[in-house]
Amino acid sequence: MRLPYVPNPPTPSNEQDRAIIERVRDRRGDAGLLELDLALLHSPPVADGWNSFLGAIRTRTTLSTSIRETAICRVAVLNEAWFEWEHHAPLLRACLEIREEHGRLHILDEKHRAVVLYTDDMTCHVTVSDAVSDRLKASFSDREVVEITATIAVYNCVSRFLVALDVGECNGRKGPLVR
């Protein structure tokens, strides 16, 4: 980590910060605070907004777990955000029978392939080609397209934060750890 983590447990300086820490803890549940939280809590208001936004993406969309985690894991691989990968790959593996070679997911289902291609365009080029967009829209409702797009955008933000600060001390790895 390029900054020290806040202490765990954090020591809030006021009631507002204490409430923010509790909201983050509540969302994390039994897992407790992650290194990501301990980095974000240098700025409690940022941690609070992050917690709320990511909570909505993770728990309040209509996407299946396999679709959501396919997008998140693909972003992690493309951006070499191995902390993100380590936290999301087990969720994806629990949903799908996947094969991984050289950081690439091999998925046979058309819906998941469409998500991977869309994620690739958004992450690597920002602009999504018409062909890739049309392929995604052929498999998903308008609401799901918005939710997939938001998930990819948010996890690009997450991965950039993780890598920039080397959260979890995962930078420098050559690829995802296969467990």
N, C-alpha and C. Protein backbone atom coordinates (compact mmCIF):
# COMPACT_ATOMS: atom_id res chain seq x y z
N MET A 1 0.85 -1.18 0.00
CA MET A 1 0.00 0.00 0.00
C MET A 1 0.89 1.23 0.00
N ARG A 2 0.54 2.15 -0.81
CA ARG A 2 1.35 3.37 -0.94
C ARG A 2 1.07 4.38 0.16
N LEU A 3 0.03 4.14 0.93
CA LEU A 3 -0.28 4.91 2.14
C LEU A 3 -0.48 3.89 3.25
N PRO A 4 -0.28 4.28 4.48
CA PRO A 4 -0.62 3.33 5.55
C PRO A 4 -2.14 3.17 5.61
N TYR A 5 -2.59 1.99 5.95
CA TYR A 5 -4.02 1.80 6.17
C TYR A 5 -4.40 2.51 7.47
N VAL A 6 -5.67 2.90 7.59
CA VAL A 6 -6.12 3.40 8.88
C VAL A 6 -6.10 2.23 9.85
N PRO A 7 -6.02 2.49 11.14
CA PRO A 7 -6.01 1.37 12.10
C PRO A 7 -7.28 0.53 11.98
N ASN A 8 -7.12 -0.74 12.31
CA ASN A 8 -8.28 -1.63 12.33
C ASN A 8 -8.38 -2.25 13.72
N PRO A 9 -9.35 -1.85 14.51
CA PRO A 9 -10.52 -1.06 14.15
C PRO A 9 -10.18 0.43 14.01
N PRO A 10 -10.89 1.12 13.09
CA PRO A 10 -10.67 2.55 12.92
C PRO A 10 -11.03 3.34 14.17
N THR A 11 -10.40 4.48 14.32
CA THR A 11 -10.69 5.35 15.46
C THR A 11 -11.32 6.64 14.92
N PRO A 12 -12.65 6.67 14.89
CA PRO A 12 -13.33 7.86 14.35
C PRO A 12 -13.11 9.07 15.24
N SER A 13 -13.03 10.24 14.59
CA SER A 13 -12.81 11.48 15.34
C SER A 13 -14.11 12.16 15.73
N ASN A 14 -15.24 11.68 15.20
CA ASN A 14 -16.53 12.29 15.55
C ASN A 14 -17.65 11.28 15.28
N GLU A 15 -18.86 11.65 15.66
CA GLU A 15 -20.01 10.75 15.52
C GLU A 15 -20.36 10.49 14.05
N GLN A 16 -20.17 11.49 13.21
CA GLN A 16 -20.47 11.30 11.78
C GLN A 16 -19.54 10.23 11.19
N ASP A 17 -18.26 10.30 11.51
CA ASP A 17 -17.31 9.29 11.02
C ASP A 17 -17.63 7.92 11.62
N ARG A 18 -18.02 7.89 12.87
CA ARG A 18 -18.38 6.62 13.53
C ARG A 18 -19.55 5.96 12.78
N ALA A 19 -20.55 6.77 12.40
CA ALA A 19 -21.71 6.25 11.67
C ALA A 19 -21.30 5.71 10.29
N ILE A 20 -20.36 6.40 9.64
CA ILE A 20 -19.87 5.94 8.34
C ILE A 20 -19.18 4.59 8.49
N ILE A 21 -18.32 4.47 9.48
CA ILE A 21 -17.60 3.21 9.70
C ILE A 21 -18.60 2.09 9.96
N GLU A 22 -19.63 2.36 10.71
CA GLU A 22 -20.64 1.33 10.99
C GLU A 22 -21.39 0.92 9.73
N ARG A 23 -21.68 1.88 8.84
CA ARG A 23 -22.36 1.53 7.58
C ARG A 23 -21.46 0.63 6.72
N VAL A 24 -20.18 0.95 6.68
CA VAL A 24 -19.25 0.12 5.91
C VAL A 24 -19.17 -1.28 6.54
N ARG A 25 -19.04 -1.34 7.85
CA ARG A 25 -19.00 -2.64 8.54
C ARG A 25 -20.27 -3.45 8.29
N ASP A 26 -21.41 -2.77 8.34
CA ASP A 26 -22.68 -3.46 8.11
C ASP A 26 -22.73 -4.09 6.72
N ARG A 27 -22.26 -3.36 5.71
CA ARG A 27 -22.28 -3.90 4.35
C ARG A 27 -21.31 -5.08 4.22
N ARG A 28 -20.19 -5.02 4.89
CA ARG A 28 -19.19 -6.09 4.80
C ARG A 28 -19.60 -7.34 5.59
N GLY A 29 -20.40 -7.17 6.61
CA GLY A 29 -20.85 -8.31 7.39
C GLY A 29 -19.71 -9.03 8.09
N ASP A 30 -19.79 -10.36 8.08
CA ASP A 30 -18.81 -11.18 8.79
C ASP A 30 -17.40 -11.04 8.24
N ALA A 31 -17.25 -10.61 7.00
CA ALA A 31 -15.92 -10.47 6.40
C ALA A 31 -15.11 -9.38 7.11
N GLY A 32 -15.81 -8.46 7.75
CA GLY A 32 -15.11 -7.35 8.40
C GLY A 32 -14.56 -6.38 7.36
N LEU A 33 -13.86 -5.38 7.85
CA LEU A 33 -13.31 -4.37 6.97
C LEU A 33 -12.17 -4.96 6.14
N LEU A 34 -12.19 -4.65 4.85
CA LEU A 34 -11.13 -5.08 3.94
C LEU A 34 -10.06 -4.00 3.85
N GLU A 35 -8.92 -4.36 3.29
CA GLU A 35 -7.87 -3.38 3.07
C GLU A 35 -8.40 -2.20 2.27
N LEU A 36 -9.28 -2.46 1.31
CA LEU A 36 -9.89 -1.38 0.53
C LEU A 36 -10.59 -0.39 1.45
N ASP A 37 -11.37 -0.89 2.40
CA ASP A 37 -12.07 -0.01 3.34
C ASP A 37 -11.07 0.78 4.18
N LEU A 38 -10.01 0.13 4.60
CA LEU A 38 -9.01 0.77 5.45
C LEU A 38 -8.22 1.83 4.68
N ALA A 39 -8.20 1.74 3.38
CA ALA A 39 -7.62 2.80 2.55
C ALA A 39 -8.62 3.93 2.37
N LEU A 40 -9.85 3.58 2.02
CA LEU A 40 -10.89 4.59 1.78
C LEU A 40 -11.21 5.40 3.03
N LEU A 41 -11.10 4.79 4.19
CA LEU A 41 -11.47 5.48 5.44
C LEU A 41 -10.51 6.59 5.84
N HIS A 42 -9.46 6.82 5.05
CA HIS A 42 -8.68 8.06 5.23
C HIS A 42 -9.58 9.27 4.97
N SER A 43 -10.60 9.06 4.14
CA SER A 43 -11.60 10.09 3.85
C SER A 43 -12.98 9.49 4.08
N PRO A 44 -13.49 9.60 5.30
CA PRO A 44 -14.79 8.97 5.59
C PRO A 44 -15.92 9.34 4.63
N PRO A 45 -16.05 10.61 4.18
CA PRO A 45 -17.14 10.89 3.24
C PRO A 45 -16.98 10.13 1.91
N VAL A 46 -15.75 9.99 1.45
CA VAL A 46 -15.51 9.21 0.22
C VAL A 46 -15.86 7.75 0.48
N ALA A 47 -15.43 7.21 1.60
CA ALA A 47 -15.75 5.82 1.96
C ALA A 47 -17.26 5.61 2.02
N ASP A 48 -17.98 6.58 2.54
CA ASP A 48 -19.43 6.47 2.67
C ASP A 48 -20.10 6.44 1.29
N GLY A 49 -19.72 7.36 0.42
CA GLY A 49 -20.28 7.37 -0.92
C GLY A 49 -19.94 6.11 -1.70
N TRP A 50 -18.70 5.68 -1.57
CA TRP A 50 -18.23 4.45 -2.22
C TRP A 50 -19.07 3.27 -1.74
N ASN A 51 -19.23 3.17 -0.44
CA ASN A 51 -19.98 2.08 0.17
C ASN A 51 -21.42 2.04 -0.34
N SER A 52 -22.05 3.18 -0.41
CA SER A 52 -23.43 3.25 -0.88
C SER A 52 -23.54 2.88 -2.36
N PHE A 53 -22.68 3.46 -3.18
CA PHE A 53 -22.73 3.21 -4.61
C PHE A 53 -22.40 1.76 -4.94
N LEU A 54 -21.32 1.24 -4.36
CA LEU A 54 -20.95 -0.15 -4.62
C LEU A 54 -21.98 -1.11 -4.05
N GLY A 55 -22.58 -0.75 -2.93
CA GLY A 55 -23.64 -1.58 -2.37
C GLY A 55 -24.81 -1.72 -3.33
N ALA A 56 -25.17 -0.62 -3.98
CA ALA A 56 -26.27 -0.67 -4.95
C ALA A 56 -25.90 -1.54 -6.15
N ILE A 57 -24.70 -1.39 -6.65
CA ILE A 57 -24.26 -2.19 -7.79
C ILE A 57 -24.22 -3.67 -7.43
N ARG A 58 -23.72 -3.98 -6.26
CA ARG A 58 -23.55 -5.38 -5.85
C ARG A 58 -24.85 -6.06 -5.42
N THR A 59 -25.79 -5.31 -4.85
CA THR A 59 -26.93 -5.99 -4.23
C THR A 59 -28.30 -5.53 -4.70
N ARG A 60 -28.38 -4.48 -5.49
CA ARG A 60 -29.72 -3.98 -5.81
C ARG A 60 -30.02 -3.93 -7.31
N THR A 61 -29.19 -4.56 -8.12
CA THR A 61 -29.52 -4.64 -9.55
C THR A 61 -30.27 -5.95 -9.80
N THR A 62 -30.76 -6.10 -11.02
CA THR A 62 -31.48 -7.32 -11.41
C THR A 62 -30.55 -8.35 -12.04
N LEU A 63 -29.26 -8.04 -12.14
CA LEU A 63 -28.32 -8.95 -12.79
C LEU A 63 -28.11 -10.22 -11.98
N SER A 64 -27.94 -11.33 -12.69
CA SER A 64 -27.58 -12.56 -12.00
C SER A 64 -26.15 -12.42 -11.47
N THR A 65 -25.84 -13.19 -10.47
CA THR A 65 -24.49 -13.16 -9.91
C THR A 65 -23.47 -13.50 -10.99
N SER A 66 -23.76 -14.47 -11.83
CA SER A 66 -22.77 -14.88 -12.84
C SER A 66 -22.50 -13.78 -13.85
N ILE A 67 -23.51 -13.04 -14.25
CA ILE A 67 -23.32 -11.94 -15.21
C ILE A 67 -22.53 -10.82 -14.53
N ARG A 68 -22.94 -10.43 -13.34
CA ARG A 68 -22.24 -9.35 -12.61
C ARG A 68 -20.78 -9.72 -12.37
N GLU A 69 -20.54 -10.92 -11.88
CA GLU A 69 -19.16 -11.30 -11.55
C GLU A 69 -18.31 -11.54 -12.80
N THR A 70 -18.93 -11.93 -13.92
CA THR A 70 -18.19 -12.02 -15.17
C THR A 70 -17.64 -10.66 -15.55
N ALA A 71 -18.48 -9.64 -15.48
CA ALA A 71 -18.03 -8.27 -15.81
C ALA A 71 -16.93 -7.81 -14.84
N ILE A 72 -17.15 -8.01 -13.56
CA ILE A 72 -16.18 -7.56 -12.55
C ILE A 72 -14.84 -8.28 -12.72
N CYS A 73 -14.88 -9.58 -12.89
CA CYS A 73 -13.62 -10.34 -13.03
C CYS A 73 -12.89 -9.98 -14.32
N ARG A 74 -13.64 -9.72 -15.37
CA ARG A 74 -12.99 -9.33 -16.63
C ARG A 74 -12.29 -7.98 -16.47
N VAL A 75 -12.93 -7.03 -15.82
CA VAL A 75 -12.29 -5.74 -15.54
C VAL A 75 -11.01 -5.96 -14.73
N ALA A 76 -11.10 -6.81 -13.73
CA ALA A 76 -9.94 -7.07 -12.87
C ALA A 76 -8.77 -7.61 -13.68
N VAL A 77 -9.04 -8.56 -14.57
CA VAL A 77 -7.97 -9.14 -15.38
C VAL A 77 -7.39 -8.11 -16.33
N LEU A 78 -8.25 -7.36 -17.01
CA LEU A 78 -7.77 -6.38 -17.98
C LEU A 78 -6.92 -5.29 -17.32
N ASN A 79 -7.29 -4.90 -16.11
CA ASN A 79 -6.58 -3.82 -15.41
C ASN A 79 -5.53 -4.34 -14.43
N GLU A 80 -5.34 -5.66 -14.42
CA GLU A 80 -4.38 -6.28 -13.51
C GLU A 80 -4.63 -5.87 -12.06
N ALA A 81 -5.89 -5.86 -11.69
CA ALA A 81 -6.32 -5.52 -10.33
C ALA A 81 -6.53 -6.82 -9.57
N TRP A 82 -5.44 -7.39 -9.11
CA TRP A 82 -5.48 -8.74 -8.54
C TRP A 82 -6.19 -8.79 -7.19
N PHE A 83 -6.20 -7.70 -6.44
CA PHE A 83 -6.98 -7.65 -5.20
C PHE A 83 -8.46 -7.84 -5.55
N GLU A 84 -8.91 -7.13 -6.57
CA GLU A 84 -10.29 -7.25 -7.04
C GLU A 84 -10.57 -8.68 -7.51
N TRP A 85 -9.65 -9.23 -8.29
CA TRP A 85 -9.80 -10.60 -8.79
C TRP A 85 -9.96 -11.59 -7.64
N GLU A 86 -9.08 -11.49 -6.65
CA GLU A 86 -9.10 -12.45 -5.54
C GLU A 86 -10.41 -12.42 -4.76
N HIS A 87 -11.07 -11.26 -4.73
CA HIS A 87 -12.33 -11.16 -4.00
C HIS A 87 -13.55 -11.55 -4.83
N HIS A 88 -13.42 -11.50 -6.15
CA HIS A 88 -14.58 -11.78 -7.00
C HIS A 88 -14.51 -13.10 -7.75
N ALA A 89 -13.34 -13.59 -8.04
CA ALA A 89 -13.23 -14.86 -8.78
C ALA A 89 -13.91 -16.02 -8.06
N PRO A 90 -13.81 -16.13 -6.73
CA PRO A 90 -14.53 -17.23 -6.08
C PRO A 90 -16.05 -17.15 -6.28
N LEU A 91 -16.60 -15.95 -6.33
CA LEU A 91 -18.04 -15.79 -6.57
C LEU A 91 -18.39 -16.24 -7.98
N LEU A 92 -17.54 -15.90 -8.94
CA LEU A 92 -17.77 -16.32 -10.31
C LEU A 92 -17.63 -17.83 -10.45
N ARG A 93 -16.59 -18.37 -9.86
CA ARG A 93 -16.38 -19.82 -9.95
C ARG A 93 -17.54 -20.60 -9.33
N ALA A 94 -18.15 -20.04 -8.32
CA ALA A 94 -19.28 -20.71 -7.67
C ALA A 94 -20.50 -20.75 -8.59
N CYS A 95 -20.54 -19.85 -9.58
CA CYS A 95 -21.70 -19.75 -10.48
C CYS A 95 -21.51 -20.47 -11.80
N LEU A 96 -20.30 -20.52 -12.28
CA LEU A 96 -20.05 -20.99 -13.63
C LEU A 96 -18.95 -22.04 -13.66
N GLU A 97 -19.03 -22.87 -14.64
CA GLU A 97 -17.91 -23.75 -14.93
C GLU A 97 -17.07 -22.99 -15.95
N ILE A 98 -15.93 -22.47 -15.52
CA ILE A 98 -15.09 -21.67 -16.41
C ILE A 98 -13.71 -22.29 -16.50
N ARG A 99 -13.06 -21.95 -17.57
CA ARG A 99 -11.69 -22.34 -17.78
C ARG A 99 -10.89 -21.05 -17.91
N GLU A 100 -9.76 -20.97 -17.26
CA GLU A 100 -8.95 -19.76 -17.28
C GLU A 100 -7.57 -20.12 -17.81
N GLU A 101 -7.14 -19.38 -18.83
CA GLU A 101 -5.81 -19.56 -19.40
C GLU A 101 -5.22 -18.20 -19.67
N HIS A 102 -4.06 -17.93 -19.13
CA HIS A 102 -3.35 -16.67 -19.35
C HIS A 102 -4.24 -15.46 -19.08
N GLY A 103 -5.01 -15.52 -18.00
CA GLY A 103 -5.85 -14.40 -17.62
C GLY A 103 -7.09 -14.23 -18.46
N ARG A 104 -7.40 -15.19 -19.31
CA ARG A 104 -8.59 -15.09 -20.16
C ARG A 104 -9.62 -16.09 -19.70
N LEU A 105 -10.84 -15.64 -19.62
CA LEU A 105 -11.94 -16.53 -19.26
C LEU A 105 -12.51 -17.15 -20.53
N HIS A 106 -12.70 -18.44 -20.51
CA HIS A 106 -13.29 -19.14 -21.63
C HIS A 106 -14.70 -19.57 -21.22
N ILE A 107 -15.67 -18.88 -21.77
CA ILE A 107 -17.07 -19.09 -21.39
C ILE A 107 -17.85 -19.41 -22.66
N LEU A 108 -18.67 -20.43 -22.60
CA LEU A 108 -19.36 -20.89 -23.80
C LEU A 108 -20.71 -20.24 -24.03
N ASP A 109 -21.35 -19.74 -23.03
CA ASP A 109 -22.68 -19.16 -23.11
C ASP A 109 -22.65 -17.80 -23.82
N GLU A 110 -23.59 -17.57 -24.74
CA GLU A 110 -23.63 -16.33 -25.52
C GLU A 110 -23.80 -15.09 -24.64
N LYS A 111 -24.65 -15.16 -23.63
CA LYS A 111 -24.86 -13.99 -22.77
C LYS A 111 -23.56 -13.58 -22.09
N HIS A 112 -22.83 -14.55 -21.59
CA HIS A 112 -21.57 -14.24 -20.90
C HIS A 112 -20.50 -13.77 -21.88
N ARG A 113 -20.49 -14.34 -23.08
CA ARG A 113 -19.54 -13.86 -24.10
C ARG A 113 -19.84 -12.42 -24.46
N ALA A 114 -21.12 -12.08 -24.58
CA ALA A 114 -21.49 -10.70 -24.90
C ALA A 114 -21.03 -9.75 -23.80
N VAL A 115 -21.14 -10.16 -22.55
CA VAL A 115 -20.69 -9.33 -21.42
C VAL A 115 -19.18 -9.16 -21.47
N VAL A 116 -18.44 -10.23 -21.77
CA VAL A 116 -16.98 -10.14 -21.84
C VAL A 116 -16.57 -9.17 -22.96
N LEU A 117 -17.17 -9.28 -24.13
CA LEU A 117 -16.82 -8.38 -25.23
C LEU A 117 -17.16 -6.93 -24.91
N TYR A 118 -18.30 -6.71 -24.30
CA TYR A 118 -18.72 -5.37 -23.90
C TYR A 118 -17.76 -4.80 -22.85
N THR A 119 -17.38 -5.64 -21.90
CA THR A 119 -16.43 -5.23 -20.86
C THR A 119 -15.08 -4.87 -21.50
N ASP A 120 -14.65 -5.67 -22.44
CA ASP A 120 -13.38 -5.40 -23.13
C ASP A 120 -13.42 -4.03 -23.81
N ASP A 121 -14.49 -3.76 -24.57
CA ASP A 121 -14.59 -2.47 -25.26
C ASP A 121 -14.62 -1.32 -24.26
N MET A 122 -15.46 -1.42 -23.24
CA MET A 122 -15.56 -0.33 -22.26
C MET A 122 -14.23 -0.09 -21.54
N THR A 123 -13.55 -1.16 -21.18
CA THR A 123 -12.35 -1.05 -20.37
C THR A 123 -11.13 -0.64 -21.20
N CYS A 124 -11.00 -1.22 -22.37
CA CYS A 124 -9.80 -0.98 -23.18
C CYS A 124 -9.93 0.21 -24.14
N HIS A 125 -11.16 0.51 -24.56
CA HIS A 125 -11.35 1.55 -25.57
C HIS A 125 -12.30 2.66 -25.13
N VAL A 126 -13.02 2.48 -24.07
CA VAL A 126 -14.07 3.37 -23.56
C VAL A 126 -15.27 3.37 -24.52
N THR A 127 -15.03 3.64 -25.79
CA THR A 127 -16.09 3.60 -26.78
C THR A 127 -16.42 2.15 -27.11
N VAL A 128 -17.71 1.84 -27.12
CA VAL A 128 -18.16 0.49 -27.44
C VAL A 128 -18.63 0.48 -28.88
N SER A 129 -18.15 -0.49 -29.64
CA SER A 129 -18.55 -0.58 -31.04
C SER A 129 -20.04 -0.91 -31.14
N ASP A 130 -20.63 -0.53 -32.27
CA ASP A 130 -22.04 -0.83 -32.50
C ASP A 130 -22.29 -2.34 -32.49
N ALA A 131 -21.39 -3.10 -33.07
CA ALA A 131 -21.57 -4.56 -33.14
C ALA A 131 -21.58 -5.17 -31.74
N VAL A 132 -20.68 -4.73 -30.89
CA VAL A 132 -20.62 -5.26 -29.52
C VAL A 132 -21.84 -4.81 -28.73
N SER A 133 -22.23 -3.55 -28.89
CA SER A 133 -23.42 -3.04 -28.20
C SER A 133 -24.67 -3.80 -28.64
N ASP A 134 -24.81 -4.01 -29.95
CA ASP A 134 -25.97 -4.74 -30.47
C ASP A 134 -26.00 -6.17 -29.95
N ARG A 135 -24.84 -6.79 -29.84
CA ARG A 135 -24.77 -8.16 -29.33
C ARG A 135 -25.25 -8.21 -27.88
N LEU A 136 -24.85 -7.23 -27.07
CA LEU A 136 -25.29 -7.19 -25.68
C LEU A 136 -26.81 -6.96 -25.61
N LYS A 137 -27.30 -6.00 -26.39
CA LYS A 137 -28.73 -5.68 -26.38
C LYS A 137 -29.59 -6.83 -26.86
N ALA A 138 -29.03 -7.71 -27.69
CA ALA A 138 -29.79 -8.88 -28.16
C ALA A 138 -30.02 -9.89 -27.04
N SER A 139 -29.20 -9.83 -25.99
CA SER A 139 -29.29 -10.81 -24.91
C SER A 139 -29.88 -10.26 -23.62
N PHE A 140 -29.99 -8.94 -23.51
CA PHE A 140 -30.40 -8.33 -22.24
C PHE A 140 -31.43 -7.23 -22.45
N SER A 141 -32.25 -6.99 -21.43
CA SER A 141 -33.21 -5.89 -21.44
C SER A 141 -32.48 -4.56 -21.34
N ASP A 142 -33.18 -3.47 -21.61
CA ASP A 142 -32.57 -2.15 -21.49
C ASP A 142 -32.07 -1.91 -20.06
N ARG A 143 -32.87 -2.32 -19.08
CA ARG A 143 -32.44 -2.14 -17.69
C ARG A 143 -31.15 -2.92 -17.42
N GLU A 144 -31.08 -4.16 -17.90
CA GLU A 144 -29.89 -4.97 -17.67
C GLU A 144 -28.67 -4.37 -18.38
N VAL A 145 -28.87 -3.79 -19.56
CA VAL A 145 -27.76 -3.13 -20.27
C VAL A 145 -27.23 -1.97 -19.43
N VAL A 146 -28.13 -1.19 -18.87
CA VAL A 146 -27.70 -0.08 -18.00
C VAL A 146 -26.96 -0.62 -16.78
N GLU A 147 -27.49 -1.67 -16.17
CA GLU A 147 -26.86 -2.23 -14.98
C GLU A 147 -25.50 -2.88 -15.29
N ILE A 148 -25.38 -3.53 -16.42
CA ILE A 148 -24.09 -4.09 -16.85
C ILE A 148 -23.10 -2.96 -17.09
N THR A 149 -23.54 -1.93 -17.79
CA THR A 149 -22.67 -0.79 -18.08
C THR A 149 -22.21 -0.11 -16.80
N ALA A 150 -23.13 0.09 -15.87
CA ALA A 150 -22.76 0.72 -14.58
C ALA A 150 -21.79 -0.17 -13.80
N THR A 151 -22.02 -1.47 -13.82
CA THR A 151 -21.12 -2.40 -13.11
C THR A 151 -19.72 -2.33 -13.68
N ILE A 152 -19.60 -2.35 -14.98
CA ILE A 152 -18.28 -2.28 -15.62
C ILE A 152 -17.62 -0.94 -15.31
N ALA A 153 -18.37 0.14 -15.42
CA ALA A 153 -17.81 1.47 -15.14
C ALA A 153 -17.33 1.57 -13.69
N VAL A 154 -18.15 1.12 -12.77
CA VAL A 154 -17.81 1.20 -11.35
C VAL A 154 -16.58 0.36 -11.04
N TYR A 155 -16.50 -0.84 -11.58
CA TYR A 155 -15.36 -1.69 -11.26
C TYR A 155 -14.09 -1.26 -11.99
N ASN A 156 -14.22 -0.49 -13.06
CA ASN A 156 -13.03 0.16 -13.61
C ASN A 156 -12.53 1.21 -12.64
N CYS A 157 -13.44 1.94 -12.02
CA CYS A 157 -13.06 2.90 -10.97
C CYS A 157 -12.39 2.18 -9.80
N VAL A 158 -13.01 1.11 -9.34
CA VAL A 158 -12.46 0.35 -8.22
C VAL A 158 -11.06 -0.15 -8.56
N SER A 159 -10.90 -0.74 -9.73
CA SER A 159 -9.60 -1.31 -10.09
C SER A 159 -8.53 -0.23 -10.17
N ARG A 160 -8.88 0.92 -10.67
CA ARG A 160 -7.89 2.00 -10.78
C ARG A 160 -7.47 2.50 -9.39
N PHE A 161 -8.40 2.57 -8.47
CA PHE A 161 -8.07 2.94 -7.09
C PHE A 161 -7.16 1.90 -6.46
N LEU A 162 -7.54 0.63 -6.61
CA LEU A 162 -6.75 -0.46 -6.02
C LEU A 162 -5.33 -0.49 -6.55
N VAL A 163 -5.18 -0.37 -7.86
CA VAL A 163 -3.86 -0.45 -8.47
C VAL A 163 -3.04 0.81 -8.17
N ALA A 164 -3.66 1.98 -8.24
CA ALA A 164 -2.91 3.22 -7.99
C ALA A 164 -2.30 3.24 -6.59
N LEU A 165 -3.06 2.74 -5.61
CA LEU A 165 -2.56 2.75 -4.22
C LEU A 165 -1.96 1.40 -3.81
N ASP A 166 -1.97 0.43 -4.70
CA ASP A 166 -1.48 -0.93 -4.41
C ASP A 166 -2.14 -1.50 -3.16
N VAL A 167 -3.46 -1.37 -3.13
CA VAL A 167 -4.24 -1.91 -2.01
C VAL A 167 -4.10 -3.43 -2.00
N GLY A 168 -3.82 -3.97 -0.86
CA GLY A 168 -3.62 -5.41 -0.72
C GLY A 168 -2.26 -5.88 -1.16
N GLU A 169 -1.41 -4.93 -1.56
CA GLU A 169 -0.04 -5.24 -2.00
C GLU A 169 -0.03 -6.31 -3.08
N CYS A 170 -0.89 -6.13 -4.09
CA CYS A 170 -1.03 -7.12 -5.16
C CYS A 170 -0.36 -6.70 -6.47
N ASN A 171 0.10 -5.45 -6.57
CA ASN A 171 0.74 -5.02 -7.81
C ASN A 171 2.00 -5.84 -8.07
N GLY A 172 2.32 -5.96 -9.32
CA GLY A 172 3.53 -6.69 -9.69
C GLY A 172 3.30 -8.17 -9.96
N ARG A 173 2.13 -8.67 -9.66
CA ARG A 173 1.84 -10.08 -9.97
C ARG A 173 1.73 -10.23 -11.48
N LYS A 174 1.97 -11.42 -11.93
CA LYS A 174 1.93 -11.69 -13.38
C LYS A 174 0.56 -12.15 -13.84
N GLY A 175 -0.33 -12.42 -12.92
CA GLY A 175 -1.66 -12.87 -13.30
C GLY A 175 -2.44 -13.28 -12.07
N PRO A 176 -3.68 -13.66 -12.30
CA PRO A 176 -4.52 -14.04 -11.16
C PRO A 176 -4.01 -15.30 -10.49
N LEU A 177 -4.20 -15.35 -9.21
CA LEU A 177 -3.87 -16.56 -8.45
C LEU A 177 -5.02 -17.54 -8.63
N VAL A 178 -4.72 -18.70 -9.08
CA VAL A 178 -5.76 -19.72 -9.29
C VAL A 178 -5.83 -20.56 -8.03
N ARG A 179 -7.01 -20.60 -7.42
CA ARG A 179 -7.19 -21.35 -6.18
C ARG A 179 -8.21 -22.42 -6.38
